[in-house]
Structures are given as C-alpha cells and as structure tokens.
C-alpha cells in the first residue's frame, strides 16, 4: 500500500533526489534516477559562486536548475496531497478499495501541502528573479563592451 501522506512528504523533502519516484515506482524508475542530475548541477553552481564570485556566467546558468527542481517537486507534493482517495488508490493501490486508508487526507497531508506551497513558491520566485537579474546584468555588460 502506497501512502499518500508519505509520498507527499517524500516529494517535498526528498524530491530532488527522486525519493518519491522510488517509493511509488520502485528503483527501476528512470525519472527517479534523472532527478538528482539537475539538483547536483545547481549545487555545483552554488559552489562556483563561492569559488569564482557572482559574476561567473556558468554559475548563474546552473543555480536555477536546483531551484526549478525543488519547485517542481514541491508541486508534485501538492498534487499528491490534493488527490482524492479514490484517484490515489486507483493509481497506486489498485488492489485496495477506493476509500482505503492509504489514500486518505489527514493533518499531516495538509501540512505537507501547506509547507510545499510555501517553500515551493518562494524557491520558484527566487529562482526566476535570480535568473532574470543575472541575465539582464549580463546583457548590459555585453552592451557596454560593444559600446567601448
């Protein structure tokens, strides 16, 4: 029996590592194995900022990958949490009755939804703001070089 609450928390807390995919689909899930790649690239971008400073072009291209991966996994946690018990059990527990306890929504599920919404939105907006800021700063710098 695949528990909806556990899947929502795994998607939120361990989503960038693919833990929710492994829980729901097993270790053979190829998407679960691909999820750590953008996460690792984003962490590498953060490491490059500490090493080379904020003007490193590669770092501002890599850092949003981590943010978008975290935001996408938070969205997946929200979708898991909002699924009706019938829909959840039909998809992940087909052998169970439609109203089985594994698909029910409890306070821990609501906590996962609220936390994922709060953190996911903040990370998404920060990633978008960082990306656009660095992009436009880069464009201004290149225009300045052309004008000289």
Protein backbone atom coordinates (compact mmCIF):
# COMPACT_ATOMS: atom_id res chain seq x y z
CA UNK A 1 0.00 0.00 0.00
CA UNK A 2 1.43 3.34 -1.09
CA UNK A 3 0.59 6.04 1.44
CA UNK A 4 -0.41 9.44 0.04
CA UNK A 5 0.92 11.41 3.01
CA UNK A 6 4.30 9.70 2.91
CA UNK A 7 4.54 10.23 -0.84
CA UNK A 8 3.74 13.94 -0.43
CA UNK A 9 6.42 14.42 2.23
CA UNK A 10 8.95 12.41 0.21
CA UNK A 11 8.22 14.53 -2.86
CA UNK A 12 8.74 17.70 -0.85
CA UNK A 13 11.74 16.71 1.27
CA UNK A 14 13.50 14.20 -0.97
CA UNK A 15 12.07 15.04 -4.36
CA UNK A 16 15.27 16.48 -5.83
CA UNK A 17 16.86 13.10 -5.10
CA UNK A 18 13.97 11.17 -6.63
CA UNK A 19 12.87 9.53 -3.37
CA UNK A 20 9.15 9.89 -4.10
CA UNK A 21 9.62 8.27 -7.51
CA UNK A 22 11.47 5.32 -5.97
CA UNK A 23 8.77 4.95 -3.31
CA UNK A 24 5.94 4.92 -5.85
CA UNK A 25 7.53 3.22 -8.85
CA UNK A 26 10.49 1.25 -7.48
CA UNK A 27 14.22 1.54 -8.01
CA UNK A 28 13.84 0.88 -11.74
CA UNK A 29 12.19 4.27 -12.35
CA UNK A 30 14.44 6.13 -14.78
CA UNK A 31 12.98 9.55 -13.93
CA UNK A 32 13.86 8.98 -10.29
CA UNK A 33 17.47 8.39 -11.33
CA UNK A 34 17.49 11.52 -13.52
CA UNK A 35 16.16 13.91 -10.85
CA UNK A 36 19.45 14.20 -8.91
CA UNK A 37 21.26 15.47 -12.02
CA UNK A 38 19.77 19.00 -12.13
CA UNK A 39 19.97 19.11 -8.35
CA UNK A 40 23.68 18.30 -8.42
CA UNK A 41 24.30 20.79 -11.23
CA UNK A 42 22.53 23.50 -9.20
CA UNK A 43 24.63 22.70 -6.15
CA UNK A 44 27.72 22.87 -8.34
CA UNK A 45 26.57 26.31 -9.48
CA UNK A 46 26.31 27.43 -5.86
CA UNK A 47 29.81 26.09 -5.23
CA UNK A 48 31.09 28.06 -8.24
CA UNK A 49 29.60 31.27 -6.81
CA UNK A 50 31.60 30.78 -3.63
CA UNK A 51 34.73 29.98 -5.62
CA UNK A 52 34.54 32.49 -8.52
CA UNK A 53 32.05 35.10 -7.32
CA UNK A 54 28.65 36.19 -8.59
CA UNK A 55 29.93 37.24 -12.00
CA UNK A 56 30.59 33.64 -13.04
CA UNK A 57 28.27 33.05 -16.01
CA UNK A 58 28.15 29.28 -15.63
CA UNK A 59 27.02 29.55 -12.01
CA UNK A 60 24.03 31.73 -12.81
CA UNK A 61 23.03 29.27 -15.51
CA UNK A 62 23.30 26.28 -13.15
CA UNK A 63 21.82 27.60 -9.90
CA UNK A 64 18.22 27.91 -11.22
CA UNK A 65 18.27 24.20 -12.11
CA UNK A 66 18.26 23.40 -8.40
CA UNK A 67 15.53 25.94 -7.70
CA UNK A 68 13.29 24.72 -10.51
CA UNK A 69 13.81 21.10 -9.43
CA UNK A 70 12.85 21.91 -5.84
CA UNK A 71 9.82 23.89 -7.02
CA UNK A 72 8.73 21.09 -9.35
CA UNK A 73 9.00 18.51 -6.57
CA UNK A 74 7.02 20.81 -4.26
CA UNK A 75 4.33 20.99 -6.94
CA UNK A 76 4.34 17.20 -7.15
CA UNK A 77 3.89 17.03 -3.36
CA UNK A 78 0.90 19.38 -3.65
CA UNK A 79 -0.63 17.25 -6.40
CA UNK A 80 -0.14 14.09 -4.35
CA UNK A 81 -1.72 15.69 -1.30
CA UNK A 82 -4.72 17.04 -3.20
CA UNK A 83 -5.51 13.74 -4.93
CA UNK A 84 -8.80 12.21 -3.84
CA UNK A 85 -8.58 8.87 -2.05
CA UNK A 86 -10.34 7.20 -4.96
CA UNK A 87 -7.92 8.61 -7.51
CA UNK A 88 -4.88 7.85 -5.34
CA UNK A 89 -5.89 4.28 -4.61
CA UNK A 90 -6.90 3.61 -8.22
CA UNK A 91 -3.46 4.69 -9.41
CA UNK A 92 -1.09 3.50 -6.68
CA UNK A 93 -3.12 0.89 -4.77
CA UNK A 94 -5.30 -0.78 -7.41
CA UNK A 95 -5.78 -3.89 -5.24
CA UNK A 96 -7.30 -1.82 -2.40
CA UNK A 97 -10.81 -0.49 -2.03
CA UNK A 98 -11.33 3.06 -3.42
CA UNK A 99 -11.62 4.54 0.09
CA UNK A 100 -8.67 2.68 1.64
CA UNK A 101 -6.82 4.47 4.44
CA UNK A 102 -3.59 4.83 2.40
CA UNK A 103 -5.24 7.41 0.16
CA UNK A 104 -6.99 9.45 2.81
CA UNK A 105 -6.08 13.03 3.61
CA UNK A 106 -5.10 13.80 7.19
CA UNK A 107 -3.49 16.69 9.02
CA UNK A 108 -0.01 15.51 8.08
CA UNK A 109 -1.06 15.55 4.43
CA UNK A 110 -2.38 19.09 4.79
CA UNK A 111 0.90 20.05 6.49
CA UNK A 112 2.83 18.67 3.51
CA UNK A 113 0.62 20.62 1.10
CA UNK A 114 0.96 23.89 3.01
CA UNK A 115 4.72 23.54 3.51
CA UNK A 116 5.30 22.58 -0.12
CA UNK A 117 3.19 25.52 -1.27
CA UNK A 118 5.09 27.97 0.93
CA UNK A 119 8.61 26.76 0.21
CA UNK A 120 7.99 25.81 -3.42
CA UNK A 121 6.60 29.23 -4.27
CA UNK A 122 9.45 31.02 -2.52
CA UNK A 123 12.09 28.91 -4.26
CA UNK A 124 10.43 29.30 -7.66
CA UNK A 125 10.16 33.09 -7.35
CA UNK A 126 13.74 33.36 -6.10
CA UNK A 127 14.99 31.24 -9.00
CA UNK A 128 13.12 33.31 -11.56
CA UNK A 129 14.29 36.60 -10.01
CA UNK A 130 17.90 35.41 -9.82
CA UNK A 131 17.84 34.17 -13.42
CA UNK A 132 16.38 37.35 -14.87
CA UNK A 133 18.60 39.62 -12.80
CA UNK A 134 21.79 37.84 -13.84
CA UNK A 135 20.64 37.63 -17.47
CA UNK A 136 19.91 41.34 -17.74
CA UNK A 137 23.12 42.25 -15.94
CA UNK A 138 24.98 40.11 -18.44
CA UNK A 139 23.20 41.82 -21.35
CA UNK A 140 24.09 45.27 -20.00
CA UNK A 141 27.70 44.23 -19.54
CA UNK A 142 27.90 42.92 -23.10
CA UNK A 143 26.30 46.10 -24.46
CA UNK A 144 28.82 48.16 -22.52
CA UNK A 145 31.65 46.14 -24.07
CA UNK A 146 30.25 46.76 -27.56
CA UNK A 147 29.91 50.49 -27.00
CA UNK A 148 33.55 50.90 -25.93
